[in-house]
C-alpha atoms as a PDB file:
ATOM      1  CA  MET A   1     -13.373  24.206  63.900  1.00  0.00           C
ATOM      2  CA  GLU A   2     -10.766  26.359  61.462  1.00  0.00           C
ATOM      3  CA  ARG A   3      -8.749  23.084  61.190  1.00  0.00           C
ATOM      4  CA  THR A   4     -11.925  21.140  59.860  1.00  0.00           C
ATOM      5  CA  LYS A   5     -12.752  23.773  57.662  1.00  0.00           C
ATOM      6  CA  LEU A   6      -9.446  24.068  56.240  1.00  0.00           C
ATOM      7  CA  PHE A   7      -8.996  19.972  55.816  1.00  0.00           C
ATOM      8  CA  ILE A   8     -12.609  20.088  54.044  1.00  0.00           C
ATOM      9  CA  MET A   9     -11.657  22.789  51.609  1.00  0.00           C
ATOM     10  CA  VAL A  10      -8.444  20.893  51.065  1.00  0.00           C
ATOM     11  CA  LEU A  11     -10.626  17.768  50.420  1.00  0.00           C
ATOM     12  CA  LEU A  12     -12.539  19.512  48.027  1.00  0.00           C
ATOM     13  CA  PHE A  13      -9.480  20.873  46.195  1.00  0.00           C
ATOM     14  CA  ILE A  14      -8.049  17.670  46.151  1.00  0.00           C
ATOM     15  CA  ILE A  15     -10.522  15.130  45.234  1.00  0.00           C
ATOM     16  CA  PRO A  16     -11.973  16.510  41.860  1.00  0.00           C
ATOM     17  CA  LEU A  17      -8.073  16.822  41.058  1.00  0.00           C
ATOM     18  CA  ALA A  18      -7.325  13.006  42.021  1.00  0.00           C
ATOM     19  CA  LEU A  19     -10.193  11.951  40.199  1.00  0.00           C
ATOM     20  CA  ALA A  20      -9.482  13.979  36.571  1.00  0.00           C
ATOM     21  CA  SER A  21      -5.795  11.995  36.948  1.00  0.00           C
ATOM     22  CA  CYS A  22      -7.387   8.298  37.562  1.00  0.00           C
ATOM     23  CA  ARG A  23      -8.801   9.082  34.173  1.00  0.00           C
ATOM     24  CA  SER A  24      -6.223   7.277  31.805  1.00  0.00           C
ATOM     25  CA  THR A  25      -8.697   6.447  28.724  1.00  0.00           C
ATOM     26  CA  THR A  26     -10.962   9.230  28.481  1.00  0.00           C
ATOM     27  CA  GLU A  27     -12.566   9.992  25.259  1.00  0.00           C
ATOM     28  CA  SER A  28     -10.693  13.219  24.932  1.00  0.00           C
ATOM     29  CA  ASN A  29      -7.502  11.041  24.569  1.00  0.00           C
ATOM     30  CA  ILE A  30      -8.683   8.785  22.256  1.00  0.00           C
ATOM     31  CA  GLU A  31      -9.010   8.899  18.288  1.00  0.00           C
ATOM     32  CA  ILE A  32     -11.571   7.549  16.973  1.00  0.00           C
ATOM     33  CA  GLU A  33     -11.692   6.755  12.958  1.00  0.00           C
ATOM     34  CA  LEU A  34     -13.631   4.289  10.662  1.00  0.00           C
ATOM     35  CA  ALA A  35     -11.428   1.445  10.108  1.00  0.00           C
ATOM     36  CA  PRO A  36      -9.764   0.435   6.825  1.00  0.00           C
ATOM     37  CA  ILE A  37     -11.822  -2.217   4.976  1.00  0.00           C
ATOM     38  CA  HIS A  38      -9.887  -4.759   3.033  1.00  0.00           C
ATOM     39  CA  GLU A  39     -12.882  -7.336   2.913  1.00  0.00           C
ATOM     40  CA  VAL A  40     -16.987  -7.884   3.079  1.00  0.00           C
ATOM     41  CA  THR A  41     -18.180 -11.318   2.701  1.00  0.00           C
ATOM     42  CA  ILE A  42     -21.966 -12.049   3.096  1.00  0.00           C
ATOM     43  CA  SER A  43     -23.075 -15.428   3.944  1.00  0.00           C
ATOM     44  CA  ILE A  44     -26.636 -16.612   4.513  1.00  0.00           C
ATOM     45  CA  GLY A  45     -26.648 -19.556   7.366  1.00  0.00           C
ATOM     46  CA  GLU A  46     -28.710 -22.834   6.812  1.00  0.00           C
ATOM     47  CA  SER A  47     -30.813 -22.257   9.634  1.00  0.00           C
ATOM     48  CA  TYR A  48     -34.329 -21.735  10.263  1.00  0.00           C
ATOM     49  CA  PRO A  49     -35.193 -18.923   8.984  1.00  0.00           C
ATOM     50  CA  PRO A  50     -31.911 -18.653   7.098  1.00  0.00           C
ATOM     51  CA  GLN A  51     -29.974 -15.874   9.129  1.00  0.00           C
ATOM     52  CA  VAL A  52     -27.453 -13.277   6.856  1.00  0.00           C
ATOM     53  CA  PHE A  53     -23.853 -12.999   8.181  1.00  0.00           C
ATOM     54  CA  VAL A  54     -21.362 -10.160   6.964  1.00  0.00           C
ATOM     55  CA  ASN A  55     -17.828 -11.038   7.545  1.00  0.00           C
ATOM     56  CA  ILE A  56     -15.051  -7.914   7.769  1.00  0.00           C
ATOM     57  CA  LYS A  57     -11.990  -7.960   7.423  1.00  0.00           C
ATOM     58  CA  GLY A  58     -10.052  -4.291   8.245  1.00  0.00           C
ATOM     59  CA  GLY A  59      -6.607  -2.666   9.001  1.00  0.00           C
ATOM     60  CA  LEU A  60      -4.923  -1.281  12.156  1.00  0.00           C
ATOM     61  CA  SER A  61      -2.339   1.460  11.165  1.00  0.00           C
ATOM     62  CA  ASP A  62      -0.074   0.836  13.931  1.00  0.00           C
ATOM     63  CA  GLY A  63       0.606  -0.955  16.887  1.00  0.00           C
ATOM     64  CA  CYS A  64      -1.484   1.261  19.322  1.00  0.00           C
ATOM     65  CA  THR A  65      -4.377   0.660  16.700  1.00  0.00           C
ATOM     66  CA  THR A  66      -7.319  -1.011  18.129  1.00  0.00           C
ATOM     67  CA  PHE A  67     -10.617  -2.154  17.502  1.00  0.00           C
ATOM     68  CA  ARG A  68     -12.973  -0.051  18.814  1.00  0.00           C
ATOM     69  CA  GLU A  69     -16.946  -0.949  17.501  1.00  0.00           C
ATOM     70  CA  ILE A  70     -19.117  -2.223  14.999  1.00  0.00           C
ATOM     71  CA  LYS A  71     -22.753  -0.012  14.463  1.00  0.00           C
ATOM     72  CA  PRO A  72     -24.908  -1.500  12.055  1.00  0.00           C
ATOM     73  CA  THR A  73     -28.288   0.405  10.931  1.00  0.00           C
ATOM     74  CA  ARG A  74     -30.989  -0.574   8.615  1.00  0.00           C
ATOM     75  CA  SER A  75     -32.935   1.566   6.470  1.00  0.00           C
ATOM     76  CA  GLY A  76     -35.220  -0.373   3.581  1.00  0.00           C
ATOM     77  CA  ASP A  77     -32.893  -2.753   1.385  1.00  0.00           C
ATOM     78  CA  THR A  78     -29.940  -1.094   2.737  1.00  0.00           C
ATOM     79  CA  VAL A  79     -27.893  -2.239   5.450  1.00  0.00           C
ATOM     80  CA  SER A  80     -24.971   0.398   6.525  1.00  0.00           C
ATOM     81  CA  ILE A  81     -22.569  -0.701   8.849  1.00  0.00           C
ATOM     82  CA  GLU A  82     -19.402   1.659  10.656  1.00  0.00           C
ATOM     83  CA  VAL A  83     -16.639   0.157  11.787  1.00  0.00           C
ATOM     84  CA  THR A  84     -14.134   2.308  13.948  1.00  0.00           C
ATOM     85  CA  VAL A  85     -10.709   1.790  15.380  1.00  0.00           C
ATOM     86  CA  GLN A  86      -9.382   3.936  18.245  1.00  0.00           C
ATOM     87  CA  ARG A  87      -5.837   4.880  19.045  1.00  0.00           C
ATOM     88  CA  PRO A  88      -4.139   7.097  22.088  1.00  0.00           C
ATOM     89  CA  LYS A  89      -3.886  10.528  20.963  1.00  0.00           C
ATOM     90  CA  GLY A  90      -0.292  11.819  20.282  1.00  0.00           C
ATOM     91  CA  LYS A  91       1.370   8.474  21.386  1.00  0.00           C
ATOM     92  CA  ILE A  92       4.451   7.387  19.326  1.00  0.00           C
ATOM     93  CA  CYS A  93       3.678   3.937  18.438  1.00  0.00           C
ATOM     94  CA  THR A  94       5.404   0.822  16.476  1.00  0.00           C
ATOM     95  CA  ALA A  95       4.964   1.165  12.312  1.00  0.00           C
ATOM     96  CA  ILE A  96       3.187  -2.590  12.144  1.00  0.00           C
ATOM     97  CA  TYR A  97      -0.143  -2.586  10.509  1.00  0.00           C
ATOM     98  CA  GLY A  98      -2.471  -5.504  11.956  1.00  0.00           C
ATOM     99  CA  TYR A  99      -5.556  -6.700  10.777  1.00  0.00           C
ATOM    100  CA  PHE A 100      -9.082  -7.390  12.384  1.00  0.00           C
ATOM    101  CA  GLU A 101     -11.735  -9.794  11.594  1.00  0.00           C
ATOM    102  CA  LYS A 102     -15.439  -9.587  12.947  1.00  0.00           C
ATOM    103  CA  THR A 103     -18.581 -11.317  11.797  1.00  0.00           C
ATOM    104  CA  VAL A 104     -21.499  -9.366  12.369  1.00  0.00           C
ATOM    105  CA  ALA A 105     -25.395 -11.229  12.681  1.00  0.00           C
ATOM    106  CA  LEU A 106     -27.661  -9.032  10.530  1.00  0.00           C
ATOM    107  CA  GLY A 107     -30.409 -11.651  11.515  1.00  0.00           C
ATOM    108  CA  SER A 108     -33.242 -12.905   9.533  1.00  0.00           C
ATOM    109  CA  ASP A 109     -35.909 -10.086   8.644  1.00  0.00           C
ATOM    110  CA  PHE A 110     -35.143 -10.426   5.288  1.00  0.00           C
ATOM    111  CA  ILE A 111     -37.735 -11.199   2.150  1.00  0.00           C
ATOM    112  CA  SER A 112     -36.850 -13.993  -0.035  1.00  0.00           C
ATOM    113  CA  GLY A 113     -35.786 -12.934  -3.314  1.00  0.00           C
ATOM    114  CA  LYS A 114     -35.175  -9.244  -2.811  1.00  0.00           C
ATOM    115  CA  THR A 115     -31.769  -7.725  -3.176  1.00  0.00           C
ATOM    116  CA  TYR A 116     -30.116  -6.111  -0.170  1.00  0.00           C
ATOM    117  CA  THR A 117     -27.049  -3.763  -0.416  1.00  0.00           C
ATOM    118  CA  VAL A 118     -24.351  -3.645   2.468  1.00  0.00           C
ATOM    119  CA  LYS A 119     -22.568  -0.995   2.759  1.00  0.00           C
ATOM    120  CA  VAL A 120     -19.483  -1.218   5.568  1.00  0.00           C
ATOM    121  CA  ASN A 121     -17.224   2.025   5.483  1.00  0.00           C
ATOM    122  CA  GLY A 122     -17.897   2.554   2.122  1.00  0.00           C
ATOM    123  CA  GLU A 123     -17.439  -0.861   1.058  1.00  0.00           C
ATOM    124  CA  VAL A 124     -20.401  -1.802  -0.975  1.00  0.00           C
ATOM    125  CA  LYS A 125     -21.892  -5.501  -1.896  1.00  0.00           C
ATOM    126  CA  THR A 126     -25.134  -6.693  -2.473  1.00  0.00           C
ATOM    127  CA  PHE A 127     -26.595 -10.045  -1.680  1.00  0.00           C
ATOM    128  CA  VAL A 128     -30.320 -11.736  -2.759  1.00  0.00           C
ATOM    129  CA  MET A 129     -32.084 -13.472   0.346  1.00  0.00           C
ATOM    130  CA  GLN A 130     -32.635 -16.853  -0.484  1.00  0.00           C
END
């Protein structure tokens, strides 16, 4: 009986430690920041209804930095797009600047003849819907 209790106590102690060590890329080990944006272009697809696309070219500050995600939000006539990159905290990386290019489909919920503003990490562009 004592062996069983001891075995259970050891398992209760070891399992959480093992699980904690298995998380190699947890949020606490990653730095997330806004991506540097180099170019933003807006295009309207030749479809019915017309679709709006935003092409984003951005930078990766070193060899460990990777693209993370794009979060578009819309409020009235303004579309805000947050683009983030990530890198491991405290890691020494090659000093090689990289680039990424992503296209975001904004859909077709725009009124013809109206001017809209698109903000991508501080870069501001406008377009008039066809």
